[in-house]
Amino acid sequence: MALPVAGLTAAQIRDTFYAARPGGRAHQATDILAPSGAPVHAIVDGAVRKLFYSKAGGNTIYEFDEGGQYCYYYAHLQGYASGLSEGQRIRHGEVIGYVGATGDASPDTPHLHLAIFRLGPESSGGKASRLIPIRCC
């Protein structure tokens, strides 16, 4: 697995997994600060399971790994790579989107919200109905 934004090192990424969020919940993801429009790369080989716009995450991508064991969630994207579609196979390192500040992200702080989940026993048919968060960075 590699970093999803080129030019960054692991040492430059601050661990925000346990950061407090409204309602007493933990963040359960890592925010990777980067310039708006910076390319976001797939961190593993897999397939796009869902492209979705949500109030909290803005433009999002759900990628399942080839073995169907993990879900990689990329959020707050400025936009998707041209031609990206649900069901499409993607390769490690391929540009899939661009860093942004959509959803509830501050427009002054573009970043990639990256979460990794282990798919639980109820996940099937390309749906992530049971996700178990994993600390990634």
N, C-alpha and C. Protein backbone atom coordinates (compact mmCIF):
# COMPACT_ATOMS: atom_id res chain seq x y z
N MET A 1 0.84 -1.17 0.00
CA MET A 1 0.00 0.00 0.00
C MET A 1 0.89 1.24 0.00
N ALA A 2 0.51 2.23 -0.78
CA ALA A 2 1.29 3.47 -0.87
C ALA A 2 0.41 4.66 -0.47
N LEU A 3 1.05 5.78 -0.28
CA LEU A 3 0.31 6.99 0.07
C LEU A 3 -0.51 7.45 -1.13
N PRO A 4 -1.71 7.99 -0.87
CA PRO A 4 -2.59 8.36 -1.97
C PRO A 4 -2.31 9.73 -2.61
N VAL A 5 -1.44 10.52 -2.00
CA VAL A 5 -1.10 11.82 -2.57
C VAL A 5 0.41 11.87 -2.80
N ALA A 6 0.82 12.02 -4.06
CA ALA A 6 2.24 12.03 -4.41
C ALA A 6 2.96 13.20 -3.74
N GLY A 7 4.23 12.98 -3.43
CA GLY A 7 5.06 14.03 -2.87
C GLY A 7 5.01 14.12 -1.36
N LEU A 8 4.17 13.33 -0.72
CA LEU A 8 4.10 13.32 0.73
C LEU A 8 4.82 12.09 1.28
N THR A 9 5.32 12.22 2.50
CA THR A 9 5.88 11.08 3.20
C THR A 9 4.98 10.76 4.38
N ALA A 10 5.07 9.55 4.88
CA ALA A 10 4.27 9.16 6.04
C ALA A 10 4.52 10.09 7.22
N ALA A 11 5.73 10.59 7.37
CA ALA A 11 6.06 11.49 8.49
C ALA A 11 5.32 12.82 8.41
N GLN A 12 4.86 13.19 7.23
CA GLN A 12 4.13 14.45 7.05
C GLN A 12 2.63 14.32 7.34
N ILE A 13 2.17 13.13 7.59
CA ILE A 13 0.75 12.89 7.82
C ILE A 13 0.49 12.79 9.32
N ARG A 14 -0.40 13.64 9.80
CA ARG A 14 -0.75 13.66 11.22
C ARG A 14 -1.85 12.64 11.49
N ASP A 15 -1.69 11.87 12.54
CA ASP A 15 -2.67 10.85 12.91
C ASP A 15 -3.91 11.54 13.49
N THR A 16 -5.03 11.44 12.79
CA THR A 16 -6.29 12.03 13.27
C THR A 16 -7.36 10.97 13.52
N PHE A 17 -6.97 9.71 13.59
CA PHE A 17 -7.92 8.62 13.73
C PHE A 17 -8.81 8.77 14.96
N TYR A 18 -8.22 9.12 16.10
CA TYR A 18 -8.97 9.23 17.34
C TYR A 18 -9.43 10.65 17.66
N ALA A 19 -9.27 11.57 16.73
CA ALA A 19 -9.69 12.95 16.97
C ALA A 19 -11.19 13.01 17.26
N ALA A 20 -11.55 13.84 18.22
CA ALA A 20 -12.96 13.96 18.63
C ALA A 20 -13.79 14.63 17.54
N ARG A 21 -15.00 14.16 17.39
CA ARG A 21 -15.96 14.72 16.45
C ARG A 21 -17.26 14.98 17.21
N PRO A 22 -18.17 15.76 16.63
CA PRO A 22 -19.44 16.05 17.31
C PRO A 22 -20.17 14.78 17.72
N GLY A 23 -20.87 14.87 18.84
CA GLY A 23 -21.63 13.72 19.33
C GLY A 23 -20.79 12.72 20.08
N GLY A 24 -19.53 13.07 20.38
CA GLY A 24 -18.67 12.19 21.16
C GLY A 24 -18.06 11.04 20.39
N ARG A 25 -18.16 11.08 19.09
CA ARG A 25 -17.57 9.99 18.30
C ARG A 25 -16.13 10.32 17.92
N ALA A 26 -15.40 9.30 17.53
CA ALA A 26 -14.02 9.47 17.05
C ALA A 26 -14.04 9.62 15.53
N HIS A 27 -13.04 10.25 14.99
CA HIS A 27 -12.92 10.52 13.55
C HIS A 27 -12.86 9.23 12.74
N GLN A 28 -12.08 8.27 13.16
CA GLN A 28 -11.89 6.96 12.53
C GLN A 28 -11.42 7.07 11.08
N ALA A 29 -10.58 8.06 10.82
CA ALA A 29 -10.00 8.26 9.50
C ALA A 29 -8.76 9.12 9.67
N THR A 30 -8.04 9.30 8.58
CA THR A 30 -6.87 10.16 8.57
C THR A 30 -7.09 11.26 7.54
N ASP A 31 -6.92 12.50 7.96
CA ASP A 31 -7.01 13.63 7.04
C ASP A 31 -5.61 13.95 6.53
N ILE A 32 -5.46 13.96 5.23
CA ILE A 32 -4.17 14.22 4.60
C ILE A 32 -4.24 15.57 3.91
N LEU A 33 -3.59 16.56 4.51
CA LEU A 33 -3.60 17.91 3.96
C LEU A 33 -2.78 17.95 2.69
N ALA A 34 -3.34 18.59 1.66
CA ALA A 34 -2.67 18.71 0.38
C ALA A 34 -3.32 19.86 -0.38
N PRO A 35 -2.62 20.40 -1.37
CA PRO A 35 -3.21 21.49 -2.15
C PRO A 35 -4.48 21.06 -2.88
N SER A 36 -5.43 21.96 -2.96
CA SER A 36 -6.65 21.70 -3.72
C SER A 36 -6.30 21.32 -5.15
N GLY A 37 -6.91 20.26 -5.63
CA GLY A 37 -6.67 19.80 -6.99
C GLY A 37 -5.53 18.82 -7.13
N ALA A 38 -4.79 18.54 -6.04
CA ALA A 38 -3.71 17.55 -6.12
C ALA A 38 -4.31 16.18 -6.46
N PRO A 39 -3.67 15.42 -7.34
CA PRO A 39 -4.21 14.11 -7.71
C PRO A 39 -4.23 13.14 -6.52
N VAL A 40 -5.30 12.37 -6.43
CA VAL A 40 -5.43 11.31 -5.44
C VAL A 40 -5.28 9.99 -6.18
N HIS A 41 -4.40 9.14 -5.67
CA HIS A 41 -4.09 7.86 -6.30
C HIS A 41 -4.70 6.71 -5.51
N ALA A 42 -5.17 5.70 -6.22
CA ALA A 42 -5.65 4.48 -5.56
C ALA A 42 -4.49 3.87 -4.77
N ILE A 43 -4.77 3.46 -3.55
CA ILE A 43 -3.67 2.94 -2.73
C ILE A 43 -3.49 1.43 -2.86
N VAL A 44 -4.46 0.76 -3.50
CA VAL A 44 -4.34 -0.68 -3.79
C VAL A 44 -5.04 -0.98 -5.12
N ASP A 45 -4.79 -2.16 -5.66
CA ASP A 45 -5.57 -2.64 -6.79
C ASP A 45 -6.97 -2.98 -6.27
N GLY A 46 -7.99 -2.67 -7.03
CA GLY A 46 -9.34 -2.99 -6.60
C GLY A 46 -10.38 -2.55 -7.60
N ALA A 47 -11.57 -2.25 -7.09
CA ALA A 47 -12.66 -1.81 -7.94
C ALA A 47 -13.45 -0.71 -7.24
N VAL A 48 -13.94 0.23 -8.02
CA VAL A 48 -14.79 1.29 -7.49
C VAL A 48 -16.16 0.66 -7.22
N ARG A 49 -16.58 0.67 -5.98
CA ARG A 49 -17.88 0.09 -5.63
C ARG A 49 -18.97 1.14 -5.58
N LYS A 50 -18.57 2.39 -5.24
CA LYS A 50 -19.59 3.43 -5.13
C LYS A 50 -18.95 4.80 -5.31
N LEU A 51 -19.59 5.64 -6.10
CA LEU A 51 -19.28 7.06 -6.19
C LEU A 51 -20.49 7.75 -5.59
N PHE A 52 -20.25 8.65 -4.65
CA PHE A 52 -21.37 9.16 -3.88
C PHE A 52 -21.08 10.58 -3.40
N TYR A 53 -22.10 11.42 -3.39
CA TYR A 53 -21.98 12.74 -2.78
C TYR A 53 -22.79 12.72 -1.50
N SER A 54 -22.12 13.03 -0.37
CA SER A 54 -22.83 13.09 0.90
C SER A 54 -22.62 14.45 1.54
N LYS A 55 -23.53 14.81 2.42
CA LYS A 55 -23.44 16.10 3.12
C LYS A 55 -22.13 16.20 3.89
N ALA A 56 -21.74 15.13 4.55
CA ALA A 56 -20.50 15.16 5.36
C ALA A 56 -19.25 14.98 4.51
N GLY A 57 -19.23 13.99 3.63
CA GLY A 57 -18.03 13.63 2.89
C GLY A 57 -17.86 14.30 1.54
N GLY A 58 -18.91 14.96 1.06
CA GLY A 58 -18.82 15.57 -0.27
C GLY A 58 -18.67 14.49 -1.32
N ASN A 59 -17.81 14.73 -2.30
CA ASN A 59 -17.54 13.73 -3.35
C ASN A 59 -16.70 12.61 -2.74
N THR A 60 -17.22 11.39 -2.80
CA THR A 60 -16.54 10.26 -2.19
C THR A 60 -16.37 9.10 -3.17
N ILE A 61 -15.37 8.27 -2.87
CA ILE A 61 -15.14 7.03 -3.61
C ILE A 61 -15.00 5.91 -2.58
N TYR A 62 -15.73 4.82 -2.82
CA TYR A 62 -15.56 3.60 -2.05
C TYR A 62 -14.86 2.61 -2.97
N GLU A 63 -13.66 2.18 -2.58
CA GLU A 63 -12.92 1.18 -3.35
C GLU A 63 -12.82 -0.09 -2.51
N PHE A 64 -13.15 -1.23 -3.10
CA PHE A 64 -12.95 -2.53 -2.45
C PHE A 64 -11.70 -3.14 -3.04
N ASP A 65 -10.88 -3.76 -2.18
CA ASP A 65 -9.69 -4.44 -2.68
C ASP A 65 -10.09 -5.67 -3.47
N GLU A 66 -9.13 -6.25 -4.20
CA GLU A 66 -9.43 -7.40 -5.06
C GLU A 66 -9.94 -8.61 -4.30
N GLY A 67 -9.51 -8.78 -3.07
CA GLY A 67 -9.95 -9.92 -2.28
C GLY A 67 -11.28 -9.70 -1.58
N GLY A 68 -11.84 -8.51 -1.67
CA GLY A 68 -13.11 -8.22 -1.02
C GLY A 68 -13.04 -8.19 0.49
N GLN A 69 -11.84 -7.93 1.04
CA GLN A 69 -11.68 -7.89 2.48
C GLN A 69 -11.66 -6.48 3.06
N TYR A 70 -11.27 -5.49 2.23
CA TYR A 70 -11.12 -4.13 2.72
C TYR A 70 -11.82 -3.12 1.83
N CYS A 71 -12.29 -2.05 2.46
CA CYS A 71 -12.89 -0.92 1.75
C CYS A 71 -12.01 0.30 2.03
N TYR A 72 -11.68 1.02 0.98
CA TYR A 72 -10.90 2.25 1.08
C TYR A 72 -11.83 3.39 0.72
N TYR A 73 -11.99 4.33 1.64
CA TYR A 73 -12.94 5.43 1.49
C TYR A 73 -12.18 6.73 1.34
N TYR A 74 -12.36 7.38 0.20
CA TYR A 74 -11.70 8.65 -0.11
C TYR A 74 -12.80 9.72 -0.12
N ALA A 75 -12.65 10.80 0.66
CA ALA A 75 -13.72 11.80 0.75
C ALA A 75 -13.20 13.23 0.64
N HIS A 76 -14.14 14.15 0.49
CA HIS A 76 -13.93 15.60 0.33
C HIS A 76 -13.26 15.93 -1.00
N LEU A 77 -13.41 15.04 -1.97
CA LEU A 77 -12.75 15.23 -3.26
C LEU A 77 -13.32 16.42 -4.03
N GLN A 78 -12.43 17.14 -4.69
CA GLN A 78 -12.85 18.22 -5.58
C GLN A 78 -13.62 17.64 -6.76
N GLY A 79 -13.20 16.49 -7.20
CA GLY A 79 -13.87 15.80 -8.30
C GLY A 79 -13.22 14.46 -8.55
N TYR A 80 -13.81 13.71 -9.47
CA TYR A 80 -13.31 12.38 -9.83
C TYR A 80 -12.44 12.46 -11.08
N ALA A 81 -11.57 11.51 -11.25
CA ALA A 81 -10.79 11.42 -12.49
C ALA A 81 -11.76 11.22 -13.65
N SER A 82 -11.43 11.77 -14.78
CA SER A 82 -12.27 11.67 -15.96
C SER A 82 -12.56 10.21 -16.31
N GLY A 83 -13.82 9.90 -16.47
CA GLY A 83 -14.22 8.55 -16.87
C GLY A 83 -14.39 7.56 -15.74
N LEU A 84 -14.08 7.94 -14.49
CA LEU A 84 -14.21 7.01 -13.37
C LEU A 84 -15.67 6.63 -13.20
N SER A 85 -15.93 5.33 -13.01
CA SER A 85 -17.31 4.88 -12.87
C SER A 85 -17.41 3.72 -11.88
N GLU A 86 -18.61 3.53 -11.34
CA GLU A 86 -18.85 2.41 -10.43
C GLU A 86 -18.62 1.10 -11.16
N GLY A 87 -17.98 0.16 -10.48
CA GLY A 87 -17.68 -1.14 -11.06
C GLY A 87 -16.34 -1.19 -11.78
N GLN A 88 -15.76 -0.05 -12.03
CA GLN A 88 -14.49 0.01 -12.77
C GLN A 88 -13.35 -0.56 -11.93
N ARG A 89 -12.53 -1.38 -12.56
CA ARG A 89 -11.31 -1.87 -11.90
C ARG A 89 -10.27 -0.76 -11.93
N ILE A 90 -9.58 -0.58 -10.83
CA ILE A 90 -8.53 0.43 -10.76
C ILE A 90 -7.26 -0.20 -10.23
N ARG A 91 -6.14 0.37 -10.62
CA ARG A 91 -4.83 -0.16 -10.24
C ARG A 91 -4.17 0.75 -9.23
N HIS A 92 -3.36 0.15 -8.39
CA HIS A 92 -2.56 0.90 -7.42
C HIS A 92 -1.81 2.01 -8.14
N GLY A 93 -1.91 3.24 -7.63
CA GLY A 93 -1.21 4.37 -8.21
C GLY A 93 -1.99 5.14 -9.26
N GLU A 94 -3.09 4.58 -9.74
CA GLU A 94 -3.91 5.25 -10.74
C GLU A 94 -4.60 6.47 -10.13
N VAL A 95 -4.65 7.58 -10.87
CA VAL A 95 -5.35 8.77 -10.38
C VAL A 95 -6.85 8.49 -10.44
N ILE A 96 -7.51 8.67 -9.27
CA ILE A 96 -8.95 8.41 -9.19
C ILE A 96 -9.75 9.66 -8.85
N GLY A 97 -9.08 10.69 -8.37
CA GLY A 97 -9.78 11.92 -8.00
C GLY A 97 -8.79 13.01 -7.65
N TYR A 98 -9.34 14.09 -7.06
CA TYR A 98 -8.52 15.27 -6.76
C TYR A 98 -8.88 15.82 -5.39
N VAL A 99 -7.86 16.19 -4.63
CA VAL A 99 -8.04 16.74 -3.28
C VAL A 99 -8.96 17.95 -3.34
N GLY A 100 -9.85 18.04 -2.38
CA GLY A 100 -10.78 19.16 -2.34
C GLY A 100 -11.23 19.50 -0.94
N ALA A 101 -12.36 20.16 -0.87
CA ALA A 101 -12.95 20.57 0.41
C ALA A 101 -14.47 20.51 0.31
N THR A 102 -14.99 19.46 -0.33
CA THR A 102 -16.43 19.31 -0.48
C THR A 102 -17.03 18.72 0.79
N GLY A 103 -18.35 18.74 0.88
CA GLY A 103 -19.03 18.23 2.07
C GLY A 103 -18.85 19.20 3.21
N ASP A 104 -18.60 18.68 4.40
CA ASP A 104 -18.47 19.54 5.57
C ASP A 104 -17.03 20.00 5.83
N ALA A 105 -16.13 19.79 4.88
CA ALA A 105 -14.74 20.24 5.03
C ALA A 105 -14.67 21.76 4.91
N SER A 106 -13.76 22.35 5.66
CA SER A 106 -13.55 23.79 5.57
C SER A 106 -12.96 24.13 4.20
N PRO A 107 -13.51 25.14 3.52
CA PRO A 107 -12.95 25.53 2.23
C PRO A 107 -11.51 26.03 2.34
N ASP A 108 -11.09 26.40 3.54
CA ASP A 108 -9.73 26.88 3.77
C ASP A 108 -8.74 25.75 4.02
N THR A 109 -9.22 24.52 4.11
CA THR A 109 -8.34 23.40 4.44
C THR A 109 -8.61 22.20 3.53
N PRO A 110 -8.21 22.30 2.27
CA PRO A 110 -8.42 21.14 1.39
C PRO A 110 -7.63 19.94 1.91
N HIS A 111 -8.26 18.79 1.83
CA HIS A 111 -7.58 17.58 2.31
C HIS A 111 -8.29 16.35 1.77
N LEU A 112 -7.60 15.24 1.86
CA LEU A 112 -8.19 13.94 1.56
C LEU A 112 -8.52 13.28 2.89
N HIS A 113 -9.76 12.94 3.07
CA HIS A 113 -10.21 12.16 4.23
C HIS A 113 -10.11 10.70 3.79
N LEU A 114 -9.21 9.95 4.41
CA LEU A 114 -8.98 8.56 4.03
C LEU A 114 -9.34 7.64 5.19
N ALA A 115 -10.23 6.72 4.92
CA ALA A 115 -10.59 5.71 5.93
C ALA A 115 -10.42 4.33 5.31
N ILE A 116 -9.98 3.40 6.13
CA ILE A 116 -9.84 2.01 5.69
C ILE A 116 -10.70 1.17 6.63
N PHE A 117 -11.51 0.30 6.02
CA PHE A 117 -12.40 -0.55 6.79
C PHE A 117 -12.18 -2.00 6.40
N ARG A 118 -12.25 -2.88 7.40
CA ARG A 118 -12.31 -4.32 7.12
C ARG A 118 -13.79 -4.61 6.89
N LEU A 119 -14.09 -5.30 5.80
CA LEU A 119 -15.48 -5.63 5.50
C LEU A 119 -15.93 -6.76 6.41
N GLY A 120 -17.06 -6.58 7.05
CA GLY A 120 -17.58 -7.56 7.97
C GLY A 120 -18.39 -8.64 7.27
N PRO A 121 -18.90 -9.58 8.03
CA PRO A 121 -19.60 -10.73 7.46
C PRO A 121 -20.88 -10.37 6.71
N GLU A 122 -21.51 -9.23 7.02
CA GLU A 122 -22.74 -8.86 6.33
C GLU A 122 -22.47 -8.19 4.99
N SER A 123 -21.22 -7.88 4.68
CA SER A 123 -20.89 -7.23 3.41
C SER A 123 -20.93 -8.25 2.29
N SER A 124 -21.70 -7.92 1.25
CA SER A 124 -21.77 -8.83 0.12
C SER A 124 -22.28 -8.07 -1.09
N GLY A 125 -22.06 -8.62 -2.24
CA GLY A 125 -22.59 -8.04 -3.45
C GLY A 125 -22.13 -6.62 -3.70
N GLY A 126 -20.92 -6.28 -3.23
CA GLY A 126 -20.39 -4.95 -3.47
C GLY A 126 -20.94 -3.89 -2.54
N LYS A 127 -21.65 -4.31 -1.49
CA LYS A 127 -22.19 -3.34 -0.55
C LYS A 127 -21.42 -3.41 0.76
N ALA A 128 -21.12 -2.24 1.31
CA ALA A 128 -20.38 -2.17 2.56
C ALA A 128 -21.35 -1.98 3.71
N SER A 129 -22.15 -3.00 4.01
CA SER A 129 -23.15 -2.86 5.05
C SER A 129 -22.57 -3.02 6.45
N ARG A 130 -21.42 -3.64 6.57
CA ARG A 130 -20.77 -3.83 7.87
C ARG A 130 -19.31 -3.45 7.70
N LEU A 131 -18.91 -2.34 8.31
CA LEU A 131 -17.54 -1.86 8.18
C LEU A 131 -16.89 -1.78 9.55
N ILE A 132 -15.68 -2.28 9.65
CA ILE A 132 -14.92 -2.23 10.90
C ILE A 132 -13.71 -1.33 10.63
N PRO A 133 -13.67 -0.12 11.25
CA PRO A 133 -12.58 0.83 10.94
C PRO A 133 -11.22 0.31 11.35
N ILE A 134 -10.22 0.65 10.52
CA ILE A 134 -8.84 0.27 10.77
C ILE A 134 -8.00 1.54 10.75
N ARG A 135 -7.16 1.70 11.73
CA ARG A 135 -6.24 2.83 11.78
C ARG A 135 -5.19 2.64 10.70
N CYS A 136 -5.10 3.59 9.78
CA CYS A 136 -4.27 3.37 8.60
C CYS A 136 -2.93 4.07 8.62
N CYS A 137 -2.81 5.21 9.24
CA CYS A 137 -1.57 5.99 9.12
C CYS A 137 -1.11 6.51 10.47
